[in-house]
Protein backbone atom coordinates (compact mmCIF):
# COMPACT_ATOMS: atom_id res chain seq x y z
CA MET A 1 79.89 -72.49 -8.04
CA GLY A 2 76.94 -72.45 -10.40
CA SER A 3 74.12 -74.95 -9.87
CA ALA A 4 76.28 -77.00 -7.48
CA GLY A 5 76.59 -73.90 -5.31
CA LEU A 6 72.82 -73.70 -4.97
CA MET A 7 72.69 -77.28 -3.65
CA VAL A 8 75.65 -76.81 -1.31
CA GLY A 9 74.18 -73.54 -0.06
CA GLN A 10 70.82 -75.20 0.62
CA ILE A 11 72.50 -77.97 2.65
CA LEU A 12 74.69 -75.55 4.61
CA GLY A 13 71.69 -73.31 5.22
CA GLN A 14 69.63 -76.13 6.76
CA LEU A 15 72.45 -77.85 8.67
CA PRO A 16 72.79 -75.33 11.55
CA ALA A 17 69.05 -75.41 12.20
CA CYS A 18 69.09 -79.23 12.36
CA LEU A 19 72.07 -79.23 14.73
CA LEU A 20 70.44 -76.64 17.02
CA LEU A 21 67.21 -78.62 17.05
CA PHE A 22 69.10 -81.81 17.95
CA ARG A 23 70.97 -80.00 20.72
CA ASP A 24 67.71 -78.74 22.29
CA ILE A 25 66.07 -82.17 22.09
CA TRP A 26 69.15 -83.84 23.60
CA LYS A 27 69.20 -81.37 26.54
CA LYS A 28 65.52 -81.91 27.35
CA GLU A 29 65.13 -85.62 26.59
CA LYS A 30 68.64 -87.04 27.09
CA ASN A 31 67.62 -89.66 29.66
CA LEU A 32 64.59 -90.78 27.66
CA ILE A 33 66.66 -91.10 24.49
CA LYS A 34 69.34 -93.17 26.23
CA LYS A 35 66.70 -95.43 27.76
CA SER A 36 64.42 -96.00 24.75
CA VAL A 37 66.68 -95.71 21.69
CA HIS A 38 68.92 -98.73 21.14
CA PHE A 39 70.08 -100.89 18.26
CA GLY A 40 67.40 -103.56 18.73
CA SER A 41 64.50 -101.10 18.50
CA ILE A 42 66.06 -99.29 15.54
CA LYS A 43 66.57 -102.59 13.69
CA ARG A 44 63.01 -103.71 14.44
CA LEU A 45 61.55 -100.44 13.17
CA LEU A 46 63.77 -100.46 10.07
CA ILE A 47 62.39 -103.88 9.16
CA ARG A 48 58.83 -102.91 10.07
CA TYR A 49 58.83 -99.75 7.94
CA LYS A 50 61.30 -100.74 5.21
CA LYS A 51 58.78 -99.84 2.49
CA PHE A 52 59.20 -96.15 3.25
CA PRO A 53 62.87 -95.85 2.18
CA LEU A 54 62.56 -98.58 -0.47
CA PHE A 55 59.51 -97.17 -2.26
CA SER A 56 58.49 -93.77 -0.88
CA THR A 57 61.87 -92.18 -1.66
CA TRP A 58 61.64 -93.16 -5.32
CA SER A 59 57.96 -92.28 -5.39
CA SER A 60 58.72 -88.76 -4.15
CA LEU A 61 61.52 -88.46 -6.70
CA MET A 62 59.18 -89.44 -9.54
CA ASN A 63 56.51 -87.05 -8.30
CA THR A 64 58.92 -84.13 -8.02
CA SER A 65 60.38 -84.91 -11.44
CA SER A 66 56.93 -84.96 -13.03
CA VAL A 67 56.14 -81.57 -11.45
CA HIS A 68 59.18 -79.92 -13.05
CA LEU A 69 59.02 -81.85 -16.31
CA PRO A 70 56.62 -79.46 -18.13
CA VAL A 71 58.86 -76.44 -17.58
CA LEU A 72 61.94 -78.30 -18.83
CA LEU A 73 60.32 -79.71 -21.96
CA LEU A 74 58.38 -76.54 -22.80
CA ALA A 75 61.71 -74.71 -22.68
CA VAL A 76 63.20 -77.25 -25.09
CA PHE A 77 60.40 -77.15 -27.67
CA PHE A 78 58.95 -73.66 -27.35
CA SER A 79 59.90 -70.08 -26.60
CA PRO A 80 60.58 -68.69 -23.11
CA ALA A 81 57.23 -66.90 -23.43
CA ALA A 82 55.38 -70.23 -23.49
CA VAL A 83 57.28 -71.34 -20.38
CA GLY A 84 56.35 -68.08 -18.64
CA GLN A 85 52.69 -68.42 -19.61
CA TYR A 86 52.55 -71.98 -18.23
CA THR A 87 54.42 -71.05 -15.06
CA LEU A 88 52.05 -68.21 -14.26
CA ALA A 89 48.98 -70.33 -15.02
CA ASN A 90 50.30 -73.15 -12.85
CA ARG A 91 51.13 -70.82 -9.95
CA VAL A 92 47.73 -69.15 -9.96
CA LEU A 93 45.99 -72.53 -9.94
CA MET A 94 48.27 -74.38 -7.53
CA ALA A 95 48.96 -71.68 -4.91
CA PRO A 96 45.58 -71.91 -3.10
CA VAL A 97 45.37 -75.65 -3.75
CA SER A 98 48.79 -76.22 -2.15
CA ILE A 99 48.04 -74.09 0.92
CA ILE A 100 44.58 -75.54 1.59
CA GLY A 101 45.57 -79.07 0.57
CA SER A 102 48.61 -79.09 2.86
CA ALA A 103 46.55 -77.96 5.86
CA ILE A 104 43.81 -80.53 5.21
CA SER A 105 46.37 -83.30 4.59
CA GLN A 106 47.88 -82.93 8.06
CA ALA A 107 44.48 -83.03 9.74
CA PHE A 108 43.29 -85.90 7.53
CA LEU A 109 46.33 -88.07 8.28
CA GLN A 110 45.92 -87.83 12.05
CA LYS A 111 42.17 -88.49 11.98
CA ALA A 112 42.38 -91.18 9.28
CA ILE A 113 44.84 -93.23 11.34
CA GLU A 114 42.36 -93.24 14.23
CA GLU A 115 39.45 -94.11 11.93
CA ASN A 116 41.43 -96.93 10.34
CA ARG A 117 41.97 -98.50 13.78
CA LYS A 118 38.21 -98.37 14.27
CA GLU A 119 37.69 -99.85 10.77
CA ARG A 120 35.91 -96.67 9.60
CA LEU A 121 38.53 -95.40 7.14
CA GLY A 122 36.19 -95.73 4.14
CA GLU A 123 33.37 -93.76 5.76
CA PHE A 124 35.71 -90.99 6.85
CA SER A 125 37.54 -90.84 3.48
CA LEU A 126 34.23 -90.58 1.62
CA LEU A 127 33.14 -87.71 3.89
CA VAL A 128 36.38 -85.79 3.22
CA PHE A 129 36.11 -86.52 -0.50
CA ARG A 130 32.59 -85.09 -0.63
CA LYS A 131 33.60 -81.96 1.30
CA LEU A 132 36.61 -81.30 -0.92
CA LEU A 133 34.52 -81.84 -4.03
CA ALA A 134 31.75 -79.59 -2.72
CA PHE A 135 34.05 -76.65 -1.97
CA GLY A 136 36.54 -77.09 -4.83
CA PHE A 137 34.41 -77.91 -7.88
CA ILE A 138 32.55 -74.66 -8.59
CA PRO A 139 35.37 -72.20 -7.62
CA LEU A 140 37.77 -73.90 -10.02
CA ILE A 141 35.12 -74.06 -12.76
CA LEU A 142 34.36 -70.34 -12.34
CA LEU A 143 38.08 -69.54 -12.43
CA SER A 144 38.40 -71.58 -15.60
CA ILE A 145 35.53 -69.73 -17.29
CA ALA A 146 36.87 -66.28 -16.42
CA ALA A 147 40.59 -67.10 -16.71
CA PRO A 148 41.45 -65.32 -20.01
CA GLU A 149 39.60 -62.15 -18.94
CA LEU A 150 41.01 -62.33 -15.42
CA PHE A 151 44.61 -62.65 -16.63
CA ASN A 152 44.04 -59.87 -19.17
CA VAL A 153 42.85 -57.47 -16.45
CA ALA A 154 45.23 -58.56 -13.67
CA PHE A 155 48.49 -59.08 -15.61
CA GLY A 156 47.97 -57.38 -18.97
CA PRO A 157 46.97 -58.48 -22.49
CA GLU A 158 50.28 -60.28 -23.07
CA TRP A 159 49.35 -62.81 -20.34
CA GLU A 160 45.90 -63.65 -21.68
CA LYS A 161 47.23 -66.91 -23.12
CA ALA A 162 48.07 -68.06 -19.59
CA GLY A 163 44.35 -67.79 -18.89
CA LEU A 164 43.73 -70.13 -21.83
CA TYR A 165 46.20 -72.58 -20.28
CA VAL A 166 44.23 -72.39 -17.01
CA GLN A 167 41.10 -73.57 -18.82
CA PHE A 168 42.89 -76.75 -19.92
CA LEU A 169 44.49 -77.35 -16.52
CA SER A 170 41.59 -76.62 -14.15
CA VAL A 171 39.97 -80.10 -14.10
CA TRP A 172 43.38 -81.68 -13.48
CA VAL A 173 43.99 -79.28 -10.57
CA LEU A 174 40.54 -80.09 -9.13
CA PHE A 175 41.41 -83.78 -8.81
CA VAL A 176 44.87 -82.90 -7.47
CA PHE A 177 43.13 -80.80 -4.80
CA ILE A 178 40.92 -83.76 -3.85
CA SER A 179 43.68 -86.37 -4.06
CA SER A 180 46.27 -84.45 -2.08
CA PRO A 181 44.84 -85.18 1.41
CA LEU A 182 43.53 -88.63 0.43
CA SER A 183 46.96 -89.76 -0.79
CA SER A 184 47.87 -90.37 2.88
CA ILE A 185 45.80 -93.56 2.53
CA PHE A 186 48.77 -95.19 0.78
CA ASN A 187 50.95 -94.66 3.86
CA ILE A 188 48.21 -95.50 6.35
CA LEU A 189 47.63 -98.86 4.65
CA GLU A 190 51.38 -99.28 4.01
CA LEU A 191 50.93 -99.43 0.23
CA GLN A 192 54.04 -97.51 -0.75
CA LYS A 193 54.67 -99.80 -3.73
CA GLU A 194 51.28 -98.85 -5.19
CA ASN A 195 52.06 -95.17 -4.69
CA LEU A 196 55.35 -95.64 -6.56
CA PHE A 197 53.44 -97.29 -9.41
CA PHE A 198 51.08 -94.32 -9.73
CA ASN A 199 53.84 -91.70 -9.64
CA SER A 200 55.82 -93.67 -12.25
CA LEU A 201 52.73 -93.85 -14.46
CA LEU A 202 52.18 -90.11 -13.96
CA PHE A 203 55.76 -89.30 -14.93
CA LEU A 204 55.74 -91.49 -18.05
CA SER A 205 52.36 -90.17 -19.25
CA ARG A 206 53.48 -86.56 -18.82
CA LEU A 207 56.73 -87.26 -20.63
CA ILE A 208 54.90 -88.85 -23.57
CA VAL A 209 52.23 -86.15 -24.03
CA LEU A 210 54.75 -83.33 -23.68
CA LEU A 211 57.00 -84.95 -26.28
CA ILE A 212 54.05 -85.46 -28.64
CA GLY A 213 52.92 -81.85 -28.26
CA GLY A 214 56.49 -80.62 -28.57
CA PHE A 215 57.19 -82.48 -31.82
CA LEU A 216 53.87 -81.22 -33.23
CA GLY A 217 55.07 -77.69 -32.44
CA ASN A 218 51.85 -76.42 -30.85
CA ASP A 219 52.10 -75.15 -27.28
CA VAL A 220 48.33 -74.86 -26.74
CA LEU A 221 47.82 -78.46 -27.92
CA THR A 222 50.65 -79.54 -25.62
CA ILE A 223 49.03 -77.93 -22.58
CA ALA A 224 45.64 -79.34 -23.58
CA LEU A 225 47.05 -82.89 -23.82
CA PHE A 226 48.90 -82.37 -20.55
CA GLY A 227 45.75 -81.17 -18.75
CA ILE A 228 43.46 -83.88 -20.15
CA THR A 229 45.93 -86.67 -19.36
CA GLY A 230 46.48 -85.29 -15.87
CA ALA A 231 42.73 -85.04 -15.22
CA ILE A 232 42.20 -88.68 -16.29
CA LEU A 233 45.07 -90.01 -14.17
CA TRP A 234 44.21 -88.01 -11.05
CA PHE A 235 40.54 -89.00 -11.42
CA TYR A 236 41.72 -92.62 -11.48
CA HIS A 237 43.88 -91.82 -8.45
CA VAL A 238 40.86 -90.59 -6.46
CA ILE A 239 38.80 -93.66 -7.41
CA TRP A 240 41.68 -95.98 -6.51
CA LEU A 241 42.35 -94.35 -3.12
CA LEU A 242 38.70 -94.51 -2.10
CA LYS A 243 38.48 -98.13 -3.23
CA LEU A 244 41.54 -98.98 -1.10
CA ALA A 245 39.83 -97.27 1.84
CA GLY A 246 36.74 -99.42 1.30
CA VAL A 247 34.47 -97.11 -0.73
CA HIS A 248 32.62 -98.77 -3.61
CA PHE A 249 33.14 -97.37 -7.11
CA LYS A 250 29.41 -96.75 -7.52
CA VAL A 251 29.28 -94.63 -4.36
CA THR A 252 32.16 -92.47 -5.58
CA ILE A 253 30.58 -91.90 -8.99
CA THR A 254 27.23 -91.11 -7.37
CA SER A 255 28.91 -88.46 -5.22
CA LEU A 256 30.55 -86.92 -8.29
CA LEU A 257 27.27 -86.82 -10.22
CA THR A 258 25.41 -85.39 -7.23
CA GLU A 259 27.91 -82.57 -6.86
CA ALA A 260 27.80 -81.92 -10.60
CA GLY A 261 24.01 -81.59 -10.33
CA VAL A 262 24.30 -79.14 -7.43
CA GLY A 263 26.88 -77.06 -9.29
CA LEU A 264 25.05 -77.07 -12.64
CA PRO A 265 22.97 -73.89 -11.99
CA PHE A 266 26.10 -71.96 -11.00
CA PHE A 267 27.95 -73.24 -14.06
CA LEU A 268 25.09 -72.32 -16.39
CA ALA A 269 24.85 -68.85 -14.84
CA ALA A 270 28.58 -68.32 -15.30
CA ALA A 271 28.48 -69.61 -18.89
CA ALA A 272 25.55 -67.28 -19.71
CA LEU A 273 27.42 -64.30 -18.27
CA LYS A 274 30.51 -65.24 -20.28
CA PHE A 275 28.41 -65.27 -23.46
CA LEU A 276 26.45 -62.08 -22.78
CA ILE A 277 28.95 -59.75 -21.07
CA LYS A 278 31.59 -58.18 -23.28
CA SER A 279 33.39 -56.14 -20.64
CA ASP A 280 36.19 -58.11 -18.95
CA VAL A 281 35.97 -56.15 -15.70
CA LEU A 282 32.18 -56.45 -15.47
CA LEU A 283 32.36 -60.18 -16.23
CA ILE A 284 34.88 -60.74 -13.44
CA VAL A 285 32.77 -58.76 -10.95
CA LEU A 286 29.60 -60.69 -11.83
CA LEU A 287 31.36 -64.06 -11.63
CA MET A 288 32.73 -63.10 -8.21
CA ALA A 289 29.12 -62.41 -7.21
CA VAL A 290 28.15 -65.89 -8.45
CA LEU A 291 31.03 -67.31 -6.41
CA MET A 292 29.85 -65.46 -3.28
CA VAL A 293 26.33 -66.84 -3.73
CA PHE A 294 27.80 -70.33 -4.04
CA VAL A 295 29.92 -69.89 -0.88
CA LEU A 296 26.92 -68.63 1.10
CA TYR A 297 24.83 -71.53 -0.19
CA ARG A 298 27.48 -74.04 0.87
CA PHE A 299 27.97 -72.37 4.23
CA LYS A 300 24.23 -72.45 4.94
CA GLU A 301 24.08 -76.10 3.89
CA PHE A 302 27.03 -76.89 6.17
CA VAL A 303 25.41 -75.14 9.14
CA ILE A 304 22.10 -76.95 8.57
CA ASN A 305 23.77 -80.36 8.30
CA THR A 306 25.86 -79.68 11.41
CA GLY A 307 22.72 -78.67 13.30
CA LYS A 308 20.92 -81.84 12.25
CA ARG A 309 23.82 -84.00 13.43
CA LYS A 310 23.67 -82.25 16.82
CA GLY A 311 19.88 -82.54 17.00
CA VAL A 312 19.32 -78.81 16.57
CA THR A 313 16.35 -77.52 14.59
CA MET A 314 17.48 -74.85 12.13
């Protein structure tokens, strides 16, 4: 059945699981469902949360479309090799970000709802922002510095260009990593229309820069434009979310500059190693050592701060 068969197969594959789940819920909670679920309550909730189907559905569609847009347009303008290089670079960057971001997002949503009721959403959002920035900034920067050498060693010389792509995409991915949990603020504050606006802006900007790069016929320039535009928009996204939560712009910028100052010695050390070391394997090993020092430093800092909050002398 071609592509239609994939969609039909996906639906048929999920349908039995949904029916079995409904059957189990009905057996265990049949009386509760009959008592509490009725037309009046459904109508009231539909009106109360109408923004979710009206805006969130389209917002998710725009977001998903923008995620797949680079692969489609790179395939139109460039060779399959360029598509493969981008796909590998994107997977290496996004795999840990997606796993960690998804886990943090679930915990953030639950806690943020409670903090919003106590009118402390801004304070809590700023705390999460600082933690994500502290633990995401230097690892992604180090990966960016070593990316060409890392891809050369891990995947072979023919994939070294994917490492170059990583260097252009890393700052964008950093702000995606930070924004991913914080994006729940839109739903907590019931600002689905604003979320739709951002995802529409993201889709249009990606479409424009990919078309520009494609017509110019330079895949590296295309990825560079894509990464820079994405970094700017997701940086704006972080600022906007924190502002909605009640965090002043100046406080957000101060946090960014503070973290940049903390990470500067690690960045300079990594840059010096990149300049001095000619062996790819040795460079990767030494940068992993720098990363381990950074992790230990952050862990010690976290333990000390936790001890101070509990009144423990470290």
